[in-house]
């Protein structure tokens, strides 16, 4: 599988030939305050819908006014404090199985209430667990605390969700989180997107799912912004590709 711009267009052409339109969605993590980096992200996004995963305990009131002129932005709940509670040596998680259920309930509910207070209907009932990890034992708590969706990194090892909880995962992280936190590179990014699109088209993955793109505005560099500019333009020009909002994905 290659990762070049003509390969992306060719894959979308194949979607069009079958009479289908590929849906994509965009999640950006770790928003807490108006920053030049967040401004730059929204300038790149333009009219494309973006879901900001906000850390409730740190979210500033200034963000509400900052987003007044960005109706395409939805707010998702990025844990509570983005604090690691995993055992020493284990993969980082704010909600590992070792935590007390009562504490998890309190944090989920308090975070949900704070974001609703700050952002009203813009705050959608979707949990984005920090580090994309959420213990399977806590999945039943989602409906109890008012959530309708869970967004992590797409994986076959992801926990089964309760009825009424939508899976709204991301598939391609543009940030080299295990490296220098720069751009993963055009070849890797396009290969990831094309691979997931092809899997959906050929039926080895859910053909109705939206392919999720993940960014982290606080470390977004020029290379990432340049890739997004061209990717957005490619999607906008192609009749067999479109951006979906999280509200739409929740309603499916």
C-alpha atoms as a PDB file:
ATOM      1  CA  UNK A   1       0.000   0.000   0.000  1.00  0.00           C
ATOM      2  CA  UNK A   2       1.403   3.374  -0.979  1.00  0.00           C
ATOM      3  CA  UNK A   3       0.772   6.757   0.512  1.00  0.00           C
ATOM      4  CA  UNK A   4       0.755   9.376  -2.219  1.00  0.00           C
ATOM      5  CA  UNK A   5      -1.857  11.974  -3.102  1.00  0.00           C
ATOM      6  CA  UNK A   6      -2.852  10.294  -6.395  1.00  0.00           C
ATOM      7  CA  UNK A   7      -3.431   7.075  -4.407  1.00  0.00           C
ATOM      8  CA  UNK A   8      -5.931   8.883  -2.165  1.00  0.00           C
ATOM      9  CA  UNK A   9      -7.777  10.292  -5.175  1.00  0.00           C
ATOM     10  CA  UNK A  10      -7.789   6.851  -6.828  1.00  0.00           C
ATOM     11  CA  UNK A  11      -9.292   5.254  -3.708  1.00  0.00           C
ATOM     12  CA  UNK A  12     -11.992   7.910  -3.532  1.00  0.00           C
ATOM     13  CA  UNK A  13     -12.652   7.369  -7.243  1.00  0.00           C
ATOM     14  CA  UNK A  14     -13.365   3.727  -6.459  1.00  0.00           C
ATOM     15  CA  UNK A  15     -15.830   4.806  -3.777  1.00  0.00           C
ATOM     16  CA  UNK A  16     -17.565   6.975  -6.325  1.00  0.00           C
ATOM     17  CA  UNK A  17     -17.668   4.170  -8.880  1.00  0.00           C
ATOM     18  CA  UNK A  18     -19.660   2.069  -6.404  1.00  0.00           C
ATOM     19  CA  UNK A  19     -22.076   4.927  -5.724  1.00  0.00           C
ATOM     20  CA  UNK A  20     -20.861   5.563  -2.175  1.00  0.00           C
ATOM     21  CA  UNK A  21     -19.430   8.568  -0.340  1.00  0.00           C
ATOM     22  CA  UNK A  22     -16.658   8.191   2.227  1.00  0.00           C
ATOM     23  CA  UNK A  23     -17.201  10.017   5.520  1.00  0.00           C
ATOM     24  CA  UNK A  24     -14.330  11.485   7.515  1.00  0.00           C
ATOM     25  CA  UNK A  25     -14.312  13.231  10.862  1.00  0.00           C
ATOM     26  CA  UNK A  26     -11.739  15.257  12.762  1.00  0.00           C
ATOM     27  CA  UNK A  27     -10.875  15.174  16.469  1.00  0.00           C
ATOM     28  CA  UNK A  28      -8.314  17.447  18.118  1.00  0.00           C
ATOM     29  CA  UNK A  29      -7.172  16.726  21.673  1.00  0.00           C
ATOM     30  CA  UNK A  30      -6.146  18.631  24.816  1.00  0.00           C
ATOM     31  CA  UNK A  31      -7.949  21.953  24.454  1.00  0.00           C
ATOM     32  CA  UNK A  32      -8.086  23.975  27.694  1.00  0.00           C
ATOM     33  CA  UNK A  33      -7.799  27.647  26.714  1.00  0.00           C
ATOM     34  CA  UNK A  34      -7.673  30.049  23.762  1.00  0.00           C
ATOM     35  CA  UNK A  35      -4.134  29.853  22.399  1.00  0.00           C
ATOM     36  CA  UNK A  36      -2.358  30.880  19.200  1.00  0.00           C
ATOM     37  CA  UNK A  37      -2.065  27.167  18.411  1.00  0.00           C
ATOM     38  CA  UNK A  38      -5.831  26.667  18.674  1.00  0.00           C
ATOM     39  CA  UNK A  39      -6.407  29.725  16.522  1.00  0.00           C
ATOM     40  CA  UNK A  40      -4.059  28.280  13.913  1.00  0.00           C
ATOM     41  CA  UNK A  41      -5.895  24.953  13.957  1.00  0.00           C
ATOM     42  CA  UNK A  42      -9.278  26.583  13.365  1.00  0.00           C
ATOM     43  CA  UNK A  43      -7.835  28.706  10.571  1.00  0.00           C
ATOM     44  CA  UNK A  44      -6.614  25.553   8.847  1.00  0.00           C
ATOM     45  CA  UNK A  45      -9.973  23.823   9.393  1.00  0.00           C
ATOM     46  CA  UNK A  46     -12.047  26.585   7.879  1.00  0.00           C
ATOM     47  CA  UNK A  47     -15.642  25.384   7.599  1.00  0.00           C
ATOM     48  CA  UNK A  48     -14.805  21.713   8.216  1.00  0.00           C
ATOM     49  CA  UNK A  49     -16.361  20.359  11.427  1.00  0.00           C
ATOM     50  CA  UNK A  50     -13.835  19.834  14.213  1.00  0.00           C
ATOM     51  CA  UNK A  51     -14.442  18.111  17.552  1.00  0.00           C
ATOM     52  CA  UNK A  52     -12.309  19.563  20.334  1.00  0.00           C
ATOM     53  CA  UNK A  53     -11.626  17.080  23.127  1.00  0.00           C
ATOM     54  CA  UNK A  54     -11.445  19.395  26.159  1.00  0.00           C
ATOM     55  CA  UNK A  55     -10.029  18.627  29.590  1.00  0.00           C
ATOM     56  CA  UNK A  56     -12.972  19.646  31.813  1.00  0.00           C
ATOM     57  CA  UNK A  57     -11.095  20.426  35.018  1.00  0.00           C
ATOM     58  CA  UNK A  58      -8.778  22.797  33.152  1.00  0.00           C
ATOM     59  CA  UNK A  59     -11.181  24.280  30.584  1.00  0.00           C
ATOM     60  CA  UNK A  60     -11.249  28.073  30.832  1.00  0.00           C
ATOM     61  CA  UNK A  61     -14.355  30.217  30.629  1.00  0.00           C
ATOM     62  CA  UNK A  62     -12.627  32.288  27.947  1.00  0.00           C
ATOM     63  CA  UNK A  63     -12.992  29.374  25.551  1.00  0.00           C
ATOM     64  CA  UNK A  64     -16.745  29.925  25.380  1.00  0.00           C
ATOM     65  CA  UNK A  65     -16.418  33.368  23.850  1.00  0.00           C
ATOM     66  CA  UNK A  66     -13.463  32.260  21.761  1.00  0.00           C
ATOM     67  CA  UNK A  67     -15.644  29.678  20.024  1.00  0.00           C
ATOM     68  CA  UNK A  68     -18.587  32.004  19.408  1.00  0.00           C
ATOM     69  CA  UNK A  69     -17.518  32.515  15.801  1.00  0.00           C
ATOM     70  CA  UNK A  70     -16.749  28.850  15.178  1.00  0.00           C
ATOM     71  CA  UNK A  71     -20.142  27.122  14.845  1.00  0.00           C
ATOM     72  CA  UNK A  72     -18.493  24.112  13.203  1.00  0.00           C
ATOM     73  CA  UNK A  73     -16.712  23.206  16.466  1.00  0.00           C
ATOM     74  CA  UNK A  74     -18.141  20.586  18.827  1.00  0.00           C
ATOM     75  CA  UNK A  75     -16.872  19.959  22.363  1.00  0.00           C
ATOM     76  CA  UNK A  76     -16.139  16.457  23.643  1.00  0.00           C
ATOM     77  CA  UNK A  77     -15.075  15.433  27.153  1.00  0.00           C
ATOM     78  CA  UNK A  78     -11.393  14.534  27.438  1.00  0.00           C
ATOM     79  CA  UNK A  79     -11.450  12.667  30.741  1.00  0.00           C
ATOM     80  CA  UNK A  80     -11.379  14.849  33.831  1.00  0.00           C
ATOM     81  CA  UNK A  81      -7.868  16.156  34.562  1.00  0.00           C
ATOM     82  CA  UNK A  82      -5.857  14.095  32.046  1.00  0.00           C
ATOM     83  CA  UNK A  83      -4.077  12.545  35.026  1.00  0.00           C
ATOM     84  CA  UNK A  84      -2.335   9.188  34.870  1.00  0.00           C
ATOM     85  CA  UNK A  85      -3.701   6.720  37.442  1.00  0.00           C
ATOM     86  CA  UNK A  86      -2.098   3.590  36.006  1.00  0.00           C
ATOM     87  CA  UNK A  87       0.240   1.456  38.082  1.00  0.00           C
ATOM     88  CA  UNK A  88       3.969   2.094  37.756  1.00  0.00           C
ATOM     89  CA  UNK A  89       5.228   0.589  34.535  1.00  0.00           C
ATOM     90  CA  UNK A  90       1.769   0.183  33.009  1.00  0.00           C
ATOM     91  CA  UNK A  91       0.512   2.124  29.997  1.00  0.00           C
ATOM     92  CA  UNK A  92      -0.825   5.520  30.987  1.00  0.00           C
ATOM     93  CA  UNK A  93      -4.546   5.789  31.666  1.00  0.00           C
ATOM     94  CA  UNK A  94      -6.838   8.087  33.610  1.00  0.00           C
ATOM     95  CA  UNK A  95      -9.346   5.267  33.937  1.00  0.00           C
ATOM     96  CA  UNK A  96      -7.463   2.006  34.554  1.00  0.00           C
ATOM     97  CA  UNK A  97      -9.289  -0.959  36.065  1.00  0.00           C
ATOM     98  CA  UNK A  98      -7.518  -0.423  39.394  1.00  0.00           C
ATOM     99  CA  UNK A  99      -9.487   2.762  40.157  1.00  0.00           C
ATOM    100  CA  UNK A 100     -12.504   2.865  42.461  1.00  0.00           C
ATOM    101  CA  UNK A 101     -15.786   2.919  40.563  1.00  0.00           C
ATOM    102  CA  UNK A 102     -17.167   5.742  42.714  1.00  0.00           C
ATOM    103  CA  UNK A 103     -14.239   7.988  41.815  1.00  0.00           C
ATOM    104  CA  UNK A 104     -14.693   7.291  38.111  1.00  0.00           C
ATOM    105  CA  UNK A 105     -18.421   8.066  38.309  1.00  0.00           C
ATOM    106  CA  UNK A 106     -17.750  11.339  40.118  1.00  0.00           C
ATOM    107  CA  UNK A 107     -15.158  12.476  37.596  1.00  0.00           C
ATOM    108  CA  UNK A 108     -17.206  11.550  34.547  1.00  0.00           C
ATOM    109  CA  UNK A 109     -20.320  13.259  35.915  1.00  0.00           C
ATOM    110  CA  UNK A 110     -18.498  16.369  37.130  1.00  0.00           C
ATOM    111  CA  UNK A 111     -16.686  16.752  33.827  1.00  0.00           C
ATOM    112  CA  UNK A 112     -19.906  16.350  31.868  1.00  0.00           C
ATOM    113  CA  UNK A 113     -21.674  18.955  33.989  1.00  0.00           C
ATOM    114  CA  UNK A 114     -18.834  21.461  33.745  1.00  0.00           C
ATOM    115  CA  UNK A 115     -18.668  21.273  29.951  1.00  0.00           C
ATOM    116  CA  UNK A 116     -22.450  21.581  29.635  1.00  0.00           C
ATOM    117  CA  UNK A 117     -22.346  24.645  31.880  1.00  0.00           C
ATOM    118  CA  UNK A 118     -19.567  26.245  29.847  1.00  0.00           C
ATOM    119  CA  UNK A 119     -20.627  25.314  26.329  1.00  0.00           C
ATOM    120  CA  UNK A 120     -24.318  24.362  26.427  1.00  0.00           C
ATOM    121  CA  UNK A 121     -25.527  22.204  23.523  1.00  0.00           C
ATOM    122  CA  UNK A 122     -22.109  22.458  21.842  1.00  0.00           C
ATOM    123  CA  UNK A 123     -20.851  20.025  24.534  1.00  0.00           C
ATOM    124  CA  UNK A 124     -21.782  16.616  23.164  1.00  0.00           C
ATOM    125  CA  UNK A 125     -22.106  13.515  25.392  1.00  0.00           C
ATOM    126  CA  UNK A 126     -18.999  11.794  24.043  1.00  0.00           C
ATOM    127  CA  UNK A 127     -16.113  10.678  26.243  1.00  0.00           C
ATOM    128  CA  UNK A 128     -12.579  10.828  24.881  1.00  0.00           C
ATOM    129  CA  UNK A 129     -10.466   9.003  27.477  1.00  0.00           C
ATOM    130  CA  UNK A 130      -6.921  10.378  27.798  1.00  0.00           C
ATOM    131  CA  UNK A 131      -4.371   8.220  26.014  1.00  0.00           C
ATOM    132  CA  UNK A 132      -7.368   6.553  24.344  1.00  0.00           C
ATOM    133  CA  UNK A 133      -7.666   4.037  27.183  1.00  0.00           C
ATOM    134  CA  UNK A 134     -10.778   3.224  29.190  1.00  0.00           C
ATOM    135  CA  UNK A 135     -11.091   0.048  31.267  1.00  0.00           C
ATOM    136  CA  UNK A 136     -13.778  -2.337  30.043  1.00  0.00           C
ATOM    137  CA  UNK A 137     -15.089  -2.593  33.616  1.00  0.00           C
ATOM    138  CA  UNK A 138     -16.203   1.040  33.470  1.00  0.00           C
ATOM    139  CA  UNK A 139     -18.070   0.928  30.142  1.00  0.00           C
ATOM    140  CA  UNK A 140     -21.456   0.378  31.902  1.00  0.00           C
ATOM    141  CA  UNK A 141     -20.876   3.656  33.760  1.00  0.00           C
ATOM    142  CA  UNK A 142     -21.125   5.677  30.555  1.00  0.00           C
ATOM    143  CA  UNK A 143     -24.903   5.534  30.243  1.00  0.00           C
ATOM    144  CA  UNK A 144     -25.253   6.138  33.987  1.00  0.00           C
ATOM    145  CA  UNK A 145     -23.314   9.379  33.684  1.00  0.00           C
ATOM    146  CA  UNK A 146     -25.080  10.682  30.586  1.00  0.00           C
ATOM    147  CA  UNK A 147     -22.776   9.656  27.754  1.00  0.00           C
ATOM    148  CA  UNK A 148     -23.935   8.477  24.356  1.00  0.00           C
ATOM    149  CA  UNK A 149     -20.562   7.910  22.697  1.00  0.00           C
ATOM    150  CA  UNK A 150     -16.981   6.806  23.346  1.00  0.00           C
ATOM    151  CA  UNK A 151     -14.080   7.929  21.182  1.00  0.00           C
ATOM    152  CA  UNK A 152     -10.711   6.219  21.337  1.00  0.00           C
ATOM    153  CA  UNK A 153      -8.175   4.915  18.855  1.00  0.00           C
ATOM    154  CA  UNK A 154      -9.735   2.271  16.622  1.00  0.00           C
ATOM    155  CA  UNK A 155      -8.558  -1.161  17.740  1.00  0.00           C
ATOM    156  CA  UNK A 156      -9.778  -4.727  17.633  1.00  0.00           C
ATOM    157  CA  UNK A 157      -8.930  -4.897  21.343  1.00  0.00           C
ATOM    158  CA  UNK A 158     -11.349  -2.090  22.249  1.00  0.00           C
ATOM    159  CA  UNK A 159     -13.967  -3.064  24.867  1.00  0.00           C
ATOM    160  CA  UNK A 160     -17.486  -3.966  23.765  1.00  0.00           C
ATOM    161  CA  UNK A 161     -19.832  -1.059  24.374  1.00  0.00           C
ATOM    162  CA  UNK A 162     -23.200  -1.041  26.065  1.00  0.00           C
ATOM    163  CA  UNK A 163     -26.367  -0.612  24.044  1.00  0.00           C
ATOM    164  CA  UNK A 164     -26.934   3.061  23.358  1.00  0.00           C
ATOM    165  CA  UNK A 165     -23.222   3.964  23.330  1.00  0.00           C
ATOM    166  CA  UNK A 166     -21.837   4.805  19.894  1.00  0.00           C
ATOM    167  CA  UNK A 167     -18.270   4.006  18.910  1.00  0.00           C
ATOM    168  CA  UNK A 168     -16.783   7.132  17.327  1.00  0.00           C
ATOM    169  CA  UNK A 169     -13.112   6.253  16.986  1.00  0.00           C
ATOM    170  CA  UNK A 170     -10.182   7.935  15.302  1.00  0.00           C
ATOM    171  CA  UNK A 171      -7.981   5.926  12.971  1.00  0.00           C
ATOM    172  CA  UNK A 172      -4.988   8.042  11.970  1.00  0.00           C
ATOM    173  CA  UNK A 173      -3.013  10.162  14.451  1.00  0.00           C
ATOM    174  CA  UNK A 174      -1.009  12.787  12.566  1.00  0.00           C
ATOM    175  CA  UNK A 175       1.290  13.324  15.562  1.00  0.00           C
ATOM    176  CA  UNK A 176       4.291  11.083  16.172  1.00  0.00           C
ATOM    177  CA  UNK A 177       3.392  10.613  19.835  1.00  0.00           C
ATOM    178  CA  UNK A 178       6.077   7.965  20.393  1.00  0.00           C
ATOM    179  CA  UNK A 179       8.678  10.076  18.664  1.00  0.00           C
ATOM    180  CA  UNK A 180       9.409  13.796  18.559  1.00  0.00           C
ATOM    181  CA  UNK A 181       5.674  14.711  18.532  1.00  0.00           C
ATOM    182  CA  UNK A 182       6.086  16.177  15.067  1.00  0.00           C
ATOM    183  CA  UNK A 183       4.225  15.168  11.920  1.00  0.00           C
ATOM    184  CA  UNK A 184       4.213  11.441  11.101  1.00  0.00           C
ATOM    185  CA  UNK A 185       4.867  12.280   7.469  1.00  0.00           C
ATOM    186  CA  UNK A 186       2.714  12.454   4.350  1.00  0.00           C
ATOM    187  CA  UNK A 187       3.438   8.876   3.266  1.00  0.00           C
ATOM    188  CA  UNK A 188       2.434   7.376   6.631  1.00  0.00           C
ATOM    189  CA  UNK A 189      -0.615   9.621   7.011  1.00  0.00           C
ATOM    190  CA  UNK A 190      -1.987   8.898   3.558  1.00  0.00           C
ATOM    191  CA  UNK A 191      -1.235   5.186   3.806  1.00  0.00           C
ATOM    192  CA  UNK A 192      -3.244   5.073   7.028  1.00  0.00           C
ATOM    193  CA  UNK A 193      -6.223   6.928   5.586  1.00  0.00           C
ATOM    194  CA  UNK A 194      -6.194   4.971   2.333  1.00  0.00           C
ATOM    195  CA  UNK A 195      -5.900   1.667   4.189  1.00  0.00           C
ATOM    196  CA  UNK A 196      -8.940   2.364   6.343  1.00  0.00           C
ATOM    197  CA  UNK A 197     -10.925   3.666   3.388  1.00  0.00           C
ATOM    198  CA  UNK A 198     -10.091   0.539   1.409  1.00  0.00           C
ATOM    199  CA  UNK A 199     -11.039  -1.744   4.311  1.00  0.00           C
ATOM    200  CA  UNK A 200     -14.445  -0.055   4.538  1.00  0.00           C
ATOM    201  CA  UNK A 201     -14.996  -0.183   0.788  1.00  0.00           C
ATOM    202  CA  UNK A 202     -14.101  -3.874   0.560  1.00  0.00           C
ATOM    203  CA  UNK A 203     -16.161  -4.814   3.594  1.00  0.00           C
ATOM    204  CA  UNK A 204     -13.414  -5.970   5.960  1.00  0.00           C
ATOM    205  CA  UNK A 205     -14.400  -3.035   8.211  1.00  0.00           C
ATOM    206  CA  UNK A 206     -17.772  -1.413   8.858  1.00  0.00           C
ATOM    207  CA  UNK A 207     -18.541   0.276   5.520  1.00  0.00           C
ATOM    208  CA  UNK A 208     -20.693   2.898   7.205  1.00  0.00           C
ATOM    209  CA  UNK A 209     -18.142   4.148   9.689  1.00  0.00           C
ATOM    210  CA  UNK A 210     -16.418   7.503   9.415  1.00  0.00           C
ATOM    211  CA  UNK A 211     -12.620   7.530   9.234  1.00  0.00           C
ATOM    212  CA  UNK A 212     -11.291   9.649  12.095  1.00  0.00           C
ATOM    213  CA  UNK A 213      -8.304  11.983  11.815  1.00  0.00           C
ATOM    214  CA  UNK A 214      -6.592  12.978  15.088  1.00  0.00           C
ATOM    215  CA  UNK A 215      -4.517  16.099  15.708  1.00  0.00           C
ATOM    216  CA  UNK A 216      -3.008  17.819  18.750  1.00  0.00           C
ATOM    217  CA  UNK A 217      -3.100  21.563  18.154  1.00  0.00           C
ATOM    218  CA  UNK A 218      -0.575  22.386  20.876  1.00  0.00           C
ATOM    219  CA  UNK A 219       2.187  20.596  18.952  1.00  0.00           C
ATOM    220  CA  UNK A 220       0.904  21.082  15.399  1.00  0.00           C
ATOM    221  CA  UNK A 221       3.857  22.037  13.207  1.00  0.00           C
ATOM    222  CA  UNK A 222       4.036  23.514   9.718  1.00  0.00           C
ATOM    223  CA  UNK A 223       4.303  20.092   8.109  1.00  0.00           C
ATOM    224  CA  UNK A 224       1.076  18.945   9.783  1.00  0.00           C
ATOM    225  CA  UNK A 225      -0.711  22.162   8.832  1.00  0.00           C
ATOM    226  CA  UNK A 226       0.497  21.818   5.248  1.00  0.00           C
ATOM    227  CA  UNK A 227      -0.754  18.240   5.058  1.00  0.00           C
ATOM    228  CA  UNK A 228      -4.149  19.237   6.469  1.00  0.00           C
ATOM    229  CA  UNK A 229      -4.471  22.079   3.955  1.00  0.00           C
ATOM    230  CA  UNK A 230      -3.997  19.707   1.042  1.00  0.00           C
ATOM    231  CA  UNK A 231      -6.081  16.932   2.607  1.00  0.00           C
ATOM    232  CA  UNK A 232      -8.997  19.298   3.220  1.00  0.00           C
ATOM    233  CA  UNK A 233      -8.787  20.589  -0.342  1.00  0.00           C
ATOM    234  CA  UNK A 234      -8.730  17.049  -1.726  1.00  0.00           C
ATOM    235  CA  UNK A 235     -11.811  16.042   0.271  1.00  0.00           C
ATOM    236  CA  UNK A 236     -13.649  19.226  -0.660  1.00  0.00           C
ATOM    237  CA  UNK A 237     -12.998  18.685  -4.387  1.00  0.00           C
ATOM    238  CA  UNK A 238     -14.013  15.035  -4.493  1.00  0.00           C
ATOM    239  CA  UNK A 239     -17.679  14.105  -4.850  1.00  0.00           C
ATOM    240  CA  UNK A 240     -17.100  10.766  -3.073  1.00  0.00           C
ATOM    241  CA  UNK A 241     -15.735  12.261   0.171  1.00  0.00           C
ATOM    242  CA  UNK A 242     -17.229  14.452   2.860  1.00  0.00           C
ATOM    243  CA  UNK A 243     -16.644  15.632   6.426  1.00  0.00           C
ATOM    244  CA  UNK A 244     -19.101  14.429   9.059  1.00  0.00           C
ATOM    245  CA  UNK A 245     -19.844  16.143  12.372  1.00  0.00           C
ATOM    246  CA  UNK A 246     -19.886  14.239  15.658  1.00  0.00           C
ATOM    247  CA  UNK A 247     -23.535  15.192  16.137  1.00  0.00           C
ATOM    248  CA  UNK A 248     -24.282  13.387  12.877  1.00  0.00           C
ATOM    249  CA  UNK A 249     -22.254  10.340  13.928  1.00  0.00           C
ATOM    250  CA  UNK A 250     -24.114  10.172  17.231  1.00  0.00           C
ATOM    251  CA  UNK A 251     -27.435  10.178  15.412  1.00  0.00           C
ATOM    252  CA  UNK A 252     -26.560   7.211  13.180  1.00  0.00           C
END
